N, C-alpha and C. Protein backbone atom coordinates (compact mmCIF):
# COMPACT_ATOMS: atom_id res chain seq x y z
N UNK A 1 0.83 -1.19 0.00
CA UNK A 1 0.00 0.00 0.00
C UNK A 1 0.88 1.26 0.00
N UNK A 2 1.96 1.21 0.76
CA UNK A 2 2.87 2.35 0.84
C UNK A 2 3.50 2.64 -0.52
N UNK A 3 3.88 1.58 -1.22
CA UNK A 3 4.51 1.76 -2.54
C UNK A 3 3.52 2.37 -3.51
N UNK A 4 2.26 1.95 -3.45
CA UNK A 4 1.24 2.52 -4.32
C UNK A 4 1.04 4.00 -4.04
N UNK A 5 0.97 4.38 -2.78
CA UNK A 5 0.83 5.79 -2.43
C UNK A 5 2.04 6.60 -2.87
N UNK A 6 3.21 6.04 -2.74
CA UNK A 6 4.42 6.73 -3.19
C UNK A 6 4.42 6.88 -4.70
N UNK A 7 3.98 5.85 -5.40
CA UNK A 7 3.90 5.91 -6.86
C UNK A 7 2.93 7.00 -7.31
N UNK A 8 1.80 7.10 -6.65
CA UNK A 8 0.82 8.15 -6.98
C UNK A 8 1.41 9.53 -6.66
N UNK A 9 2.12 9.64 -5.56
CA UNK A 9 2.75 10.91 -5.21
C UNK A 9 3.80 11.33 -6.22
N UNK A 10 4.57 10.38 -6.71
CA UNK A 10 5.57 10.70 -7.71
C UNK A 10 4.92 11.10 -9.04
N UNK A 11 3.82 10.47 -9.39
CA UNK A 11 3.11 10.87 -10.61
C UNK A 11 2.53 12.28 -10.47
N UNK A 12 2.07 12.63 -9.29
CA UNK A 12 1.58 14.00 -9.05
C UNK A 12 2.74 14.98 -9.17
N UNK A 13 3.91 14.61 -8.67
CA UNK A 13 5.09 15.46 -8.83
C UNK A 13 5.46 15.63 -10.29
N UNK A 14 5.31 14.57 -11.07
CA UNK A 14 5.58 14.66 -12.50
C UNK A 14 4.61 15.61 -13.18
N UNK A 15 3.36 15.58 -12.76
CA UNK A 15 2.37 16.50 -13.33
C UNK A 15 2.67 17.94 -12.96
N UNK A 16 3.18 18.17 -11.76
CA UNK A 16 3.54 19.54 -11.36
C UNK A 16 4.69 20.05 -12.20
N UNK A 17 5.67 19.20 -12.45
CA UNK A 17 6.78 19.59 -13.33
C UNK A 17 6.26 19.86 -14.73
N UNK A 18 5.29 19.07 -15.17
CA UNK A 18 4.70 19.26 -16.50
C UNK A 18 3.98 20.59 -16.57
N UNK A 19 3.32 20.99 -15.50
CA UNK A 19 2.62 22.28 -15.48
C UNK A 19 3.59 23.43 -15.68
N UNK A 20 4.81 23.32 -15.16
CA UNK A 20 5.83 24.36 -15.38
C UNK A 20 6.20 24.44 -16.85
N UNK A 21 6.32 23.31 -17.49
CA UNK A 21 6.72 23.28 -18.89
C UNK A 21 5.60 23.66 -19.84
N UNK A 22 4.37 23.49 -19.42
CA UNK A 22 3.23 23.75 -20.30
C UNK A 22 2.98 25.25 -20.45
N UNK A 23 3.58 26.07 -19.59
CA UNK A 23 3.42 27.51 -19.72
C UNK A 23 3.95 27.99 -21.06
N UNK A 24 4.93 27.28 -21.57
CA UNK A 24 5.45 27.56 -22.90
C UNK A 24 4.74 26.65 -23.89
N UNK A 25 4.70 27.06 -25.14
CA UNK A 25 4.04 26.26 -26.17
C UNK A 25 4.94 25.09 -26.55
N UNK A 26 4.56 23.90 -26.10
CA UNK A 26 5.38 22.72 -26.31
C UNK A 26 4.51 21.59 -26.86
N UNK A 27 5.01 20.89 -27.85
CA UNK A 27 4.33 19.72 -28.37
C UNK A 27 4.93 18.46 -27.78
N UNK A 28 4.08 17.60 -27.25
CA UNK A 28 4.47 16.27 -26.75
C UNK A 28 5.44 16.29 -25.58
N UNK A 29 5.52 17.38 -24.82
CA UNK A 29 6.41 17.39 -23.66
C UNK A 29 5.91 16.42 -22.59
N UNK A 30 4.62 16.31 -22.43
CA UNK A 30 4.06 15.38 -21.45
C UNK A 30 4.42 13.93 -21.76
N UNK A 31 4.31 13.55 -23.02
CA UNK A 31 4.67 12.19 -23.41
C UNK A 31 6.16 11.94 -23.24
N UNK A 32 6.97 12.94 -23.53
CA UNK A 32 8.41 12.79 -23.35
C UNK A 32 8.76 12.63 -21.87
N UNK A 33 8.11 13.41 -21.01
CA UNK A 33 8.38 13.30 -19.57
C UNK A 33 7.93 11.96 -19.02
N UNK A 34 6.78 11.48 -19.47
CA UNK A 34 6.32 10.16 -19.03
C UNK A 34 7.29 9.09 -19.51
N UNK A 35 7.81 9.24 -20.72
CA UNK A 35 8.79 8.30 -21.24
C UNK A 35 10.06 8.28 -20.42
N UNK A 36 10.59 9.46 -20.08
CA UNK A 36 11.79 9.52 -19.25
C UNK A 36 11.53 8.92 -17.86
N UNK A 37 10.33 9.15 -17.32
CA UNK A 37 9.97 8.62 -16.02
C UNK A 37 9.92 7.10 -16.05
N UNK A 38 9.27 6.56 -17.07
CA UNK A 38 9.12 5.10 -17.15
C UNK A 38 10.46 4.43 -17.43
N UNK A 39 11.24 4.98 -18.35
CA UNK A 39 12.53 4.37 -18.67
C UNK A 39 13.47 4.39 -17.47
N UNK A 40 13.49 5.49 -16.73
CA UNK A 40 14.41 5.56 -15.60
C UNK A 40 13.96 4.71 -14.42
N UNK A 41 12.69 4.31 -14.38
CA UNK A 41 12.23 3.46 -13.28
C UNK A 41 12.34 1.98 -13.61
N UNK A 42 12.74 1.62 -14.83
CA UNK A 42 12.87 0.21 -15.20
C UNK A 42 14.13 -0.40 -14.60
N UNK A 43 13.98 -1.53 -13.92
CA UNK A 43 15.17 -2.20 -13.38
C UNK A 43 15.70 -3.25 -14.33
N UNK A 44 16.98 -3.44 -14.30
CA UNK A 44 17.63 -4.57 -14.96
C UNK A 44 18.17 -5.43 -13.83
N UNK A 45 17.64 -6.63 -13.70
CA UNK A 45 18.04 -7.48 -12.57
C UNK A 45 19.10 -8.47 -13.01
N UNK A 46 20.22 -8.38 -12.33
CA UNK A 46 21.31 -9.32 -12.54
C UNK A 46 21.32 -10.24 -11.33
N UNK A 47 20.82 -11.45 -11.51
CA UNK A 47 20.56 -12.41 -10.45
C UNK A 47 19.56 -11.80 -9.47
N UNK A 48 19.95 -11.34 -8.32
CA UNK A 48 19.03 -10.75 -7.35
C UNK A 48 19.25 -9.24 -7.20
N UNK A 49 20.27 -8.70 -7.83
CA UNK A 49 20.66 -7.31 -7.66
C UNK A 49 20.05 -6.42 -8.75
N UNK A 50 19.19 -5.47 -8.38
CA UNK A 50 18.64 -4.56 -9.40
C UNK A 50 19.66 -3.49 -9.78
N UNK A 51 19.82 -3.27 -11.07
CA UNK A 51 20.77 -2.28 -11.59
C UNK A 51 19.96 -1.19 -12.30
N UNK A 52 20.23 0.08 -12.01
CA UNK A 52 19.44 1.17 -12.64
C UNK A 52 19.87 1.44 -14.08
N UNK A 53 19.69 0.44 -14.94
CA UNK A 53 20.12 0.55 -16.33
C UNK A 53 19.29 1.60 -17.08
N UNK A 54 18.01 1.68 -16.78
CA UNK A 54 17.15 2.68 -17.44
C UNK A 54 17.56 4.10 -17.09
N UNK A 55 17.95 4.32 -15.85
CA UNK A 55 18.40 5.66 -15.43
C UNK A 55 19.71 6.02 -16.13
N UNK A 56 20.58 5.05 -16.32
CA UNK A 56 21.82 5.31 -17.04
C UNK A 56 21.55 5.67 -18.50
N UNK A 57 20.55 5.04 -19.09
CA UNK A 57 20.16 5.39 -20.46
C UNK A 57 19.64 6.82 -20.51
N UNK A 58 18.84 7.19 -19.52
CA UNK A 58 18.31 8.57 -19.46
C UNK A 58 19.45 9.57 -19.30
N UNK A 59 20.42 9.26 -18.47
CA UNK A 59 21.56 10.17 -18.32
C UNK A 59 22.32 10.34 -19.62
N UNK A 60 22.41 9.27 -20.38
CA UNK A 60 23.08 9.37 -21.67
C UNK A 60 22.31 10.28 -22.62
N UNK A 61 20.98 10.12 -22.67
CA UNK A 61 20.17 10.95 -23.55
C UNK A 61 20.14 12.41 -23.09
N UNK A 62 20.23 12.64 -21.79
CA UNK A 62 20.18 14.00 -21.27
C UNK A 62 21.54 14.69 -21.27
N UNK A 63 22.57 14.02 -21.73
CA UNK A 63 23.90 14.63 -21.73
C UNK A 63 24.13 15.55 -22.93
N UNK A 64 23.22 15.53 -23.89
CA UNK A 64 23.39 16.40 -25.05
C UNK A 64 23.16 17.86 -24.64
N UNK A 65 24.05 18.76 -25.03
CA UNK A 65 23.90 20.16 -24.59
C UNK A 65 22.78 20.91 -25.31
N UNK A 66 22.35 20.48 -26.47
CA UNK A 66 21.34 21.22 -27.22
C UNK A 66 19.93 20.70 -26.98
N UNK A 67 19.70 19.98 -25.90
CA UNK A 67 18.40 19.40 -25.60
C UNK A 67 17.45 20.47 -25.07
N UNK A 68 16.24 20.50 -25.60
CA UNK A 68 15.24 21.46 -25.14
C UNK A 68 14.53 20.93 -23.90
N UNK A 69 14.20 21.82 -22.99
CA UNK A 69 13.49 21.50 -21.75
C UNK A 69 14.22 20.42 -20.95
N UNK A 70 15.50 20.63 -20.82
CA UNK A 70 16.36 19.66 -20.15
C UNK A 70 16.02 19.54 -18.66
N UNK A 71 15.68 20.65 -18.02
CA UNK A 71 15.41 20.62 -16.58
C UNK A 71 14.18 19.77 -16.28
N UNK A 72 13.11 19.93 -17.04
CA UNK A 72 11.90 19.15 -16.81
C UNK A 72 12.15 17.67 -17.05
N UNK A 73 12.93 17.34 -18.06
CA UNK A 73 13.22 15.95 -18.36
C UNK A 73 14.13 15.34 -17.30
N UNK A 74 15.06 16.12 -16.75
CA UNK A 74 15.91 15.63 -15.67
C UNK A 74 15.08 15.34 -14.43
N UNK A 75 14.14 16.23 -14.12
CA UNK A 75 13.29 16.00 -12.95
C UNK A 75 12.42 14.76 -13.14
N UNK A 76 11.91 14.54 -14.34
CA UNK A 76 11.09 13.36 -14.60
C UNK A 76 11.92 12.08 -14.45
N UNK A 77 13.15 12.10 -14.95
CA UNK A 77 13.99 10.91 -14.81
C UNK A 77 14.43 10.71 -13.36
N UNK A 78 14.61 11.79 -12.62
CA UNK A 78 14.96 11.67 -11.20
C UNK A 78 13.80 11.09 -10.40
N UNK A 79 12.57 11.49 -10.71
CA UNK A 79 11.41 10.90 -10.05
C UNK A 79 11.31 9.41 -10.36
N UNK A 80 11.60 9.03 -11.59
CA UNK A 80 11.62 7.62 -11.94
C UNK A 80 12.69 6.85 -11.19
N UNK A 81 13.86 7.48 -11.01
CA UNK A 81 14.94 6.83 -10.27
C UNK A 81 14.56 6.67 -8.80
N UNK A 82 13.87 7.65 -8.24
CA UNK A 82 13.40 7.53 -6.86
C UNK A 82 12.43 6.37 -6.73
N UNK A 83 11.54 6.21 -7.71
CA UNK A 83 10.63 5.06 -7.68
C UNK A 83 11.41 3.75 -7.82
N UNK A 84 12.46 3.75 -8.63
CA UNK A 84 13.30 2.56 -8.76
C UNK A 84 13.92 2.18 -7.41
N UNK A 85 14.43 3.17 -6.69
CA UNK A 85 15.04 2.92 -5.39
C UNK A 85 14.00 2.37 -4.40
N UNK A 86 12.82 2.98 -4.39
CA UNK A 86 11.78 2.52 -3.47
C UNK A 86 11.36 1.10 -3.83
N UNK A 87 11.24 0.81 -5.10
CA UNK A 87 10.87 -0.53 -5.53
C UNK A 87 11.96 -1.54 -5.17
N UNK A 88 13.21 -1.14 -5.25
CA UNK A 88 14.31 -2.05 -4.91
C UNK A 88 14.39 -2.31 -3.41
N UNK A 89 14.05 -1.31 -2.62
CA UNK A 89 14.13 -1.47 -1.16
C UNK A 89 12.95 -2.28 -0.62
N UNK A 90 11.76 -2.02 -1.13
CA UNK A 90 10.58 -2.72 -0.62
C UNK A 90 10.28 -3.87 -1.52
């Protein structure tokens, strides 16, 4: 139950970050943020040890200097990584 409530809280945080980005005229920013969130929360399990492989992929994509709305996408991937950590602990 706690994990479900945390997941809902993180999705609400993602929506708040999206509201900041929506003030500007942006196409598909919401879908991009959901994508970064989902990819960064995916675990790669090596035997019993979860590895944040999705978060590493997000860091690679976010390393480009000419990326638009980089701050919002970083926050979305960070929220996904937090969910990954919570899922790994519980």
